PDB file of N, CA and C in Angstrom:
ATOM      1  N   MET A   1       0.861  -1.161   0.231  1.00  0.00           N
ATOM      2  CA  MET A   1       0.064  -0.108  -0.331  1.00  0.00           C
ATOM      3  C   MET A   1       0.751   1.230   0.091  1.00  0.00           C
ATOM      4  N   THR A   2       0.627   2.115  -0.893  1.00  0.00           N
ATOM      5  CA  THR A   2       1.322   3.275  -0.986  1.00  0.00           C
ATOM      6  C   THR A   2       0.740   4.481   0.173  1.00  0.00           C
ATOM      7  N   SER A   3       1.805   5.050   0.726  1.00  0.00           N
ATOM      8  CA  SER A   3       1.476   6.069   1.751  1.00  0.00           C
ATOM      9  C   SER A   3       0.793   7.270   1.091  1.00  0.00           C
ATOM     10  N   SER A   4      -0.110   8.485   1.614  1.00  0.00           N
ATOM     11  CA  SER A   4      -0.350   9.153   1.239  1.00  0.00           C
ATOM     12  C   SER A   4       0.674  10.645   0.832  1.00  0.00           C
ATOM     13  N   ARG A   5       1.921  10.469   1.917  1.00  0.00           N
ATOM     14  CA  ARG A   5       2.718  11.258   1.575  1.00  0.00           C
ATOM     15  C   ARG A   5       3.786  11.010   0.542  1.00  0.00           C
ATOM     16  N   ALA A   6       3.736   9.478   0.238  1.00  0.00           N
ATOM     17  CA  ALA A   6       4.339   9.029  -1.137  1.00  0.00           C
ATOM     18  C   ALA A   6       3.884   9.468  -2.633  1.00  0.00           C
ATOM     19  N   ILE A   7       2.694   9.444  -2.124  1.00  0.00           N
ATOM     20  CA  ILE A   7       1.495   9.625  -3.300  1.00  0.00           C
ATOM     21  C   ILE A   7       1.459  11.460  -3.519  1.00  0.00           C
ATOM     22  N   THR A   8       1.702  12.050  -2.744  1.00  0.00           N
ATOM     23  CA  THR A   8       1.624  13.737  -2.835  1.00  0.00           C
ATOM     24  C   THR A   8       2.926  14.143  -3.086  1.00  0.00           C
ATOM     25  N   SER A   9       4.313  12.871  -2.959  1.00  0.00           N
ATOM     26  CA  SER A   9       5.520  13.445  -2.826  1.00  0.00           C
ATOM     27  C   SER A   9       5.503  13.267  -4.799  1.00  0.00           C
ATOM     28  N   ARG A  10       4.933  12.077  -5.121  1.00  0.00           N
ATOM     29  CA  ARG A  10       5.034  12.032  -6.743  1.00  0.00           C
ATOM     30  C   ARG A  10       4.328  12.955  -7.164  1.00  0.00           C
ATOM     31  N   LEU A  11       3.092  13.506  -7.059  1.00  0.00           N
ATOM     32  CA  LEU A  11       2.263  14.547  -7.620  1.00  0.00           C
ATOM     33  C   LEU A  11       3.293  15.853  -7.401  1.00  0.00           C
ATOM     34  N   HIS A  12       3.674  16.374  -6.771  1.00  0.00           N
ATOM     35  CA  HIS A  12       4.552  17.115  -6.401  1.00  0.00           C
ATOM     36  C   HIS A  12       5.645  17.011  -7.502  1.00  0.00           C
ATOM     37  N   GLU A  13       6.362  16.037  -7.458  1.00  0.00           N
ATOM     38  CA  GLU A  13       7.718  15.815  -8.359  1.00  0.00           C
ATOM     39  C   GLU A  13       7.052  15.907  -9.699  1.00  0.00           C
ATOM     40  N   GLU A  14       5.831  15.230 -10.600  1.00  0.00           N
ATOM     41  CA  GLU A  14       5.684  15.641 -11.648  1.00  0.00           C
ATOM     42  C   GLU A  14       5.132  16.746 -11.852  1.00  0.00           C
ATOM     43  N   ALA A  15       4.142  17.364 -11.144  1.00  0.00           N
ATOM     44  CA  ALA A  15       3.971  18.805 -11.463  1.00  0.00           C
ATOM     45  C   ALA A  15       5.237  19.680 -11.271  1.00  0.00           C
ATOM     46  N   SER A  16       5.898  19.982 -10.570  1.00  0.00           N
ATOM     47  CA  SER A  16       7.196  20.731 -10.730  1.00  0.00           C
ATOM     48  C   SER A  16       8.046  20.632 -12.059  1.00  0.00           C
ATOM     49  N   SER A  17       8.374  18.831 -12.259  1.00  0.00           N
ATOM     50  CA  SER A  17       8.858  19.009 -13.368  1.00  0.00           C
ATOM     51  C   SER A  17       8.279  19.312 -14.645  1.00  0.00           C
ATOM     52  N   ASN A  18       6.592  19.560 -14.950  1.00  0.00           N
ATOM     53  CA  ASN A  18       6.134  19.996 -15.773  1.00  0.00           C
ATOM     54  C   ASN A  18       5.985  21.141 -15.726  1.00  0.00           C
ATOM     55  N   GLY A  19       6.442  22.204 -14.601  1.00  0.00           N
ATOM     56  CA  GLY A  19       6.482  23.789 -14.536  1.00  0.00           C
ATOM     57  C   GLY A  19       5.110  24.059 -14.281  1.00  0.00           C
ATOM     58  N   GLU A  20       4.553  23.166 -13.567  1.00  0.00           N
ATOM     59  CA  GLU A  20       3.002  23.481 -12.972  1.00  0.00           C
ATOM     60  C   GLU A  20       2.980  24.289 -11.555  1.00  0.00           C
ATOM     61  N   THR A  21       1.910  25.353 -11.135  1.00  0.00           N
ATOM     62  CA  THR A  21       2.322  26.143 -10.290  1.00  0.00           C
ATOM     63  C   THR A  21       1.456  25.230  -8.829  1.00  0.00           C
ATOM     64  N   PHE A  22       0.572  24.134  -9.433  1.00  0.00           N
ATOM     65  CA  PHE A  22      -0.022  23.700  -8.453  1.00  0.00           C
ATOM     66  C   PHE A  22      -0.693  22.313  -8.711  1.00  0.00           C
ATOM     67  N   TYR A  23      -1.353  21.181  -8.092  1.00  0.00           N
ATOM     68  CA  TYR A  23      -1.230  19.816  -8.016  1.00  0.00           C
ATOM     69  C   TYR A  23      -2.739  19.929  -7.249  1.00  0.00           C
ATOM     70  N   LEU A  24      -3.693  18.843  -7.475  1.00  0.00           N
ATOM     71  CA  LEU A  24      -4.747  18.963  -6.569  1.00  0.00           C
ATOM     72  C   LEU A  24      -4.315  17.225  -5.901  1.00  0.00           C
ATOM     73  N   ASP A  25      -4.674  17.756  -4.357  1.00  0.00           N
ATOM     74  CA  ASP A  25      -4.081  16.961  -3.482  1.00  0.00           C
ATOM     75  C   ASP A  25      -5.539  15.728  -3.429  1.00  0.00           C
ATOM     76  N   PRO A  26      -5.174  14.496  -3.899  1.00  0.00           N
ATOM     77  CA  PRO A  26      -6.194  13.283  -3.886  1.00  0.00           C
ATOM     78  C   PRO A  26      -7.031  12.885  -2.655  1.00  0.00           C
ATOM     79  N   GLU A  27      -6.434  13.770  -1.692  1.00  0.00           N
ATOM     80  CA  GLU A  27      -7.407  13.141  -0.614  1.00  0.00           C
ATOM     81  C   GLU A  27      -8.749  14.481  -0.070  1.00  0.00           C
ATOM     82  N   THR A  28      -8.206  15.599  -0.058  1.00  0.00           N
ATOM     83  CA  THR A  28      -8.982  16.753  -0.038  1.00  0.00           C
ATOM     84  C   THR A  28      -9.629  17.440  -1.383  1.00  0.00           C
ATOM     85  N   GLY A  29      -8.738  17.294  -2.938  1.00  0.00           N
ATOM     86  CA  GLY A  29      -9.281  17.947  -3.860  1.00  0.00           C
ATOM     87  C   GLY A  29      -9.130  19.596  -3.599  1.00  0.00           C
ATOM     88  N   LEU A  30      -8.262  19.812  -2.798  1.00  0.00           N
ATOM     89  CA  LEU A  30      -7.793  21.024  -3.266  1.00  0.00           C
ATOM     90  C   LEU A  30      -6.487  21.017  -3.996  1.00  0.00           C
ATOM     91  N   ALA A  31      -6.224  22.705  -4.274  1.00  0.00           N
ATOM     92  CA  ALA A  31      -4.978  22.737  -5.048  1.00  0.00           C
ATOM     93  C   ALA A  31      -4.189  23.031  -4.103  1.00  0.00           C
ATOM     94  N   VAL A  32      -3.027  22.784  -4.262  1.00  0.00           N
ATOM     95  CA  VAL A  32      -1.695  22.855  -3.466  1.00  0.00           C
ATOM     96  C   VAL A  32      -0.888  23.299  -4.515  1.00  0.00           C
ATOM     97  N   PHE A  33       0.059  24.829  -4.031  1.00  0.00           N
ATOM     98  CA  PHE A  33       0.896  25.288  -4.801  1.00  0.00           C
ATOM     99  C   PHE A  33       2.446  24.158  -4.744  1.00  0.00           C
ATOM    100  N   THR A  34       2.924  24.029  -5.859  1.00  0.00           N
ATOM    101  CA  THR A  34       4.281  23.381  -6.043  1.00  0.00           C
ATOM    102  C   THR A  34       5.299  24.478  -5.300  1.00  0.00           C
ATOM    103  N   GLU A  35       6.289  24.212  -4.830  1.00  0.00           N
ATOM    104  CA  GLU A  35       7.674  24.846  -4.893  1.00  0.00           C
ATOM    105  C   GLU A  35       7.806  25.740  -6.047  1.00  0.00           C
ATOM    106  N   PHE A  36       7.629  25.442  -7.229  1.00  0.00           N
ATOM    107  CA  PHE A  36       7.818  26.418  -8.271  1.00  0.00           C
ATOM    108  C   PHE A  36       6.989  27.409  -8.232  1.00  0.00           C
ATOM    109  N   GLY A  37       5.492  27.033  -8.136  1.00  0.00           N
ATOM    110  CA  GLY A  37       4.519  28.022  -7.955  1.00  0.00           C
ATOM    111  C   GLY A  37       5.043  29.313  -6.673  1.00  0.00           C
ATOM    112  N   LEU A  38       4.872  28.422  -5.624  1.00  0.00           N
ATOM    113  CA  LEU A  38       5.722  29.550  -4.628  1.00  0.00           C
ATOM    114  C   LEU A  38       6.769  30.375  -4.883  1.00  0.00           C
ATOM    115  N   ARG A  39       7.520  29.791  -5.892  1.00  0.00           N
ATOM    116  CA  ARG A  39       8.748  30.870  -5.695  1.00  0.00           C
ATOM    117  C   ARG A  39       8.469  31.838  -6.558  1.00  0.00           C
ATOM    118  N   GLN A  40       7.275  31.548  -7.998  1.00  0.00           N
ATOM    119  CA  GLN A  40       6.660  32.577  -8.543  1.00  0.00           C
ATOM    120  C   GLN A  40       6.404  33.831  -8.237  1.00  0.00           C
ATOM    121  N   ARG A  41       5.777  33.243  -6.640  1.00  0.00           N
ATOM    122  CA  ARG A  41       5.182  34.546  -5.920  1.00  0.00           C
ATOM    123  C   ARG A  41       6.113  35.543  -5.287  1.00  0.00           C
ATOM    124  N   GLY A  42       6.833  35.045  -5.309  1.00  0.00           N
ATOM    125  CA  GLY A  42       7.883  36.246  -4.876  1.00  0.00           C
ATOM    126  C   GLY A  42       8.463  36.485  -3.562  1.00  0.00           C
ATOM    127  N   SER A  43       7.284  36.233  -2.556  1.00  0.00           N
ATOM    128  CA  SER A  43       7.791  36.328  -1.046  1.00  0.00           C
ATOM    129  C   SER A  43       6.724  35.437  -0.377  1.00  0.00           C
ATOM    130  N   CYS A  44       7.116  35.132   1.015  1.00  0.00           N
ATOM    131  CA  CYS A  44       6.279  34.083   1.793  1.00  0.00           C
ATOM    132  C   CYS A  44       4.536  34.680   2.344  1.00  0.00           C
ATOM    133  N   CYS A  45       3.840  33.951   2.393  1.00  0.00           N
ATOM    134  CA  CYS A  45       2.429  34.619   2.825  1.00  0.00           C
ATOM    135  C   CYS A  45       2.419  34.133   4.417  1.00  0.00           C
ATOM    136  N   TRP A  46       3.249  33.019   5.099  1.00  0.00           N
ATOM    137  CA  TRP A  46       3.522  33.021   6.266  1.00  0.00           C
ATOM    138  C   TRP A  46       2.214  31.935   6.807  1.00  0.00           C
ATOM    139  N   SER A  47       1.879  31.326   5.297  1.00  0.00           N
ATOM    140  CA  SER A  47       0.703  29.919   5.959  1.00  0.00           C
ATOM    141  C   SER A  47       0.794  28.938   6.111  1.00  0.00           C
ATOM    142  N   GLY A  48       2.189  28.660   6.640  1.00  0.00           N
ATOM    143  CA  GLY A  48       2.242  27.018   6.437  1.00  0.00           C
ATOM    144  C   GLY A  48       2.564  26.089   5.440  1.00  0.00           C
ATOM    145  N   CYS A  49       2.769  26.774   4.206  1.00  0.00           N
ATOM    146  CA  CYS A  49       2.190  25.899   2.773  1.00  0.00           C
ATOM    147  C   CYS A  49       2.952  24.472   2.965  1.00  0.00           C
ATOM    148  N   ARG A  50       2.423  23.462   2.278  1.00  0.00           N
ATOM    149  CA  ARG A  50       3.383  22.437   2.191  1.00  0.00           C
ATOM    150  C   ARG A  50       4.683  22.592   1.404  1.00  0.00           C
ATOM    151  N   HIS A  51       4.755  23.188   0.673  1.00  0.00           N
ATOM    152  CA  HIS A  51       5.873  22.946  -0.441  1.00  0.00           C
ATOM    153  C   HIS A  51       6.781  24.385  -0.526  1.00  0.00           C
ATOM    154  N   CYS A  52       6.198  25.142   1.115  1.00  0.00           N
ATOM    155  CA  CYS A  52       7.279  26.670   1.003  1.00  0.00           C
ATOM    156  C   CYS A  52       8.792  26.461   0.740  1.00  0.00           C
ATOM    157  N   PRO A  53       9.464  26.762  -0.311  1.00  0.00           N
ATOM    158  CA  PRO A  53      10.696  26.808  -0.139  1.00  0.00           C
ATOM    159  C   PRO A  53      11.377  27.615   0.802  1.00  0.00           C
TER     160      PRO A  53
END
């Protein structure tokens, strides 16, 4: 069985390698910004984002 952490890690890797700014979390259906997307923002929002650089 694949852990949810492994799944989100794979989704993040795939989205980032494709230059996408977010992916959909399979558990919640919510958009999660990739590190690439967060870097494009240019500043931290201090919201504790999952992939905050």
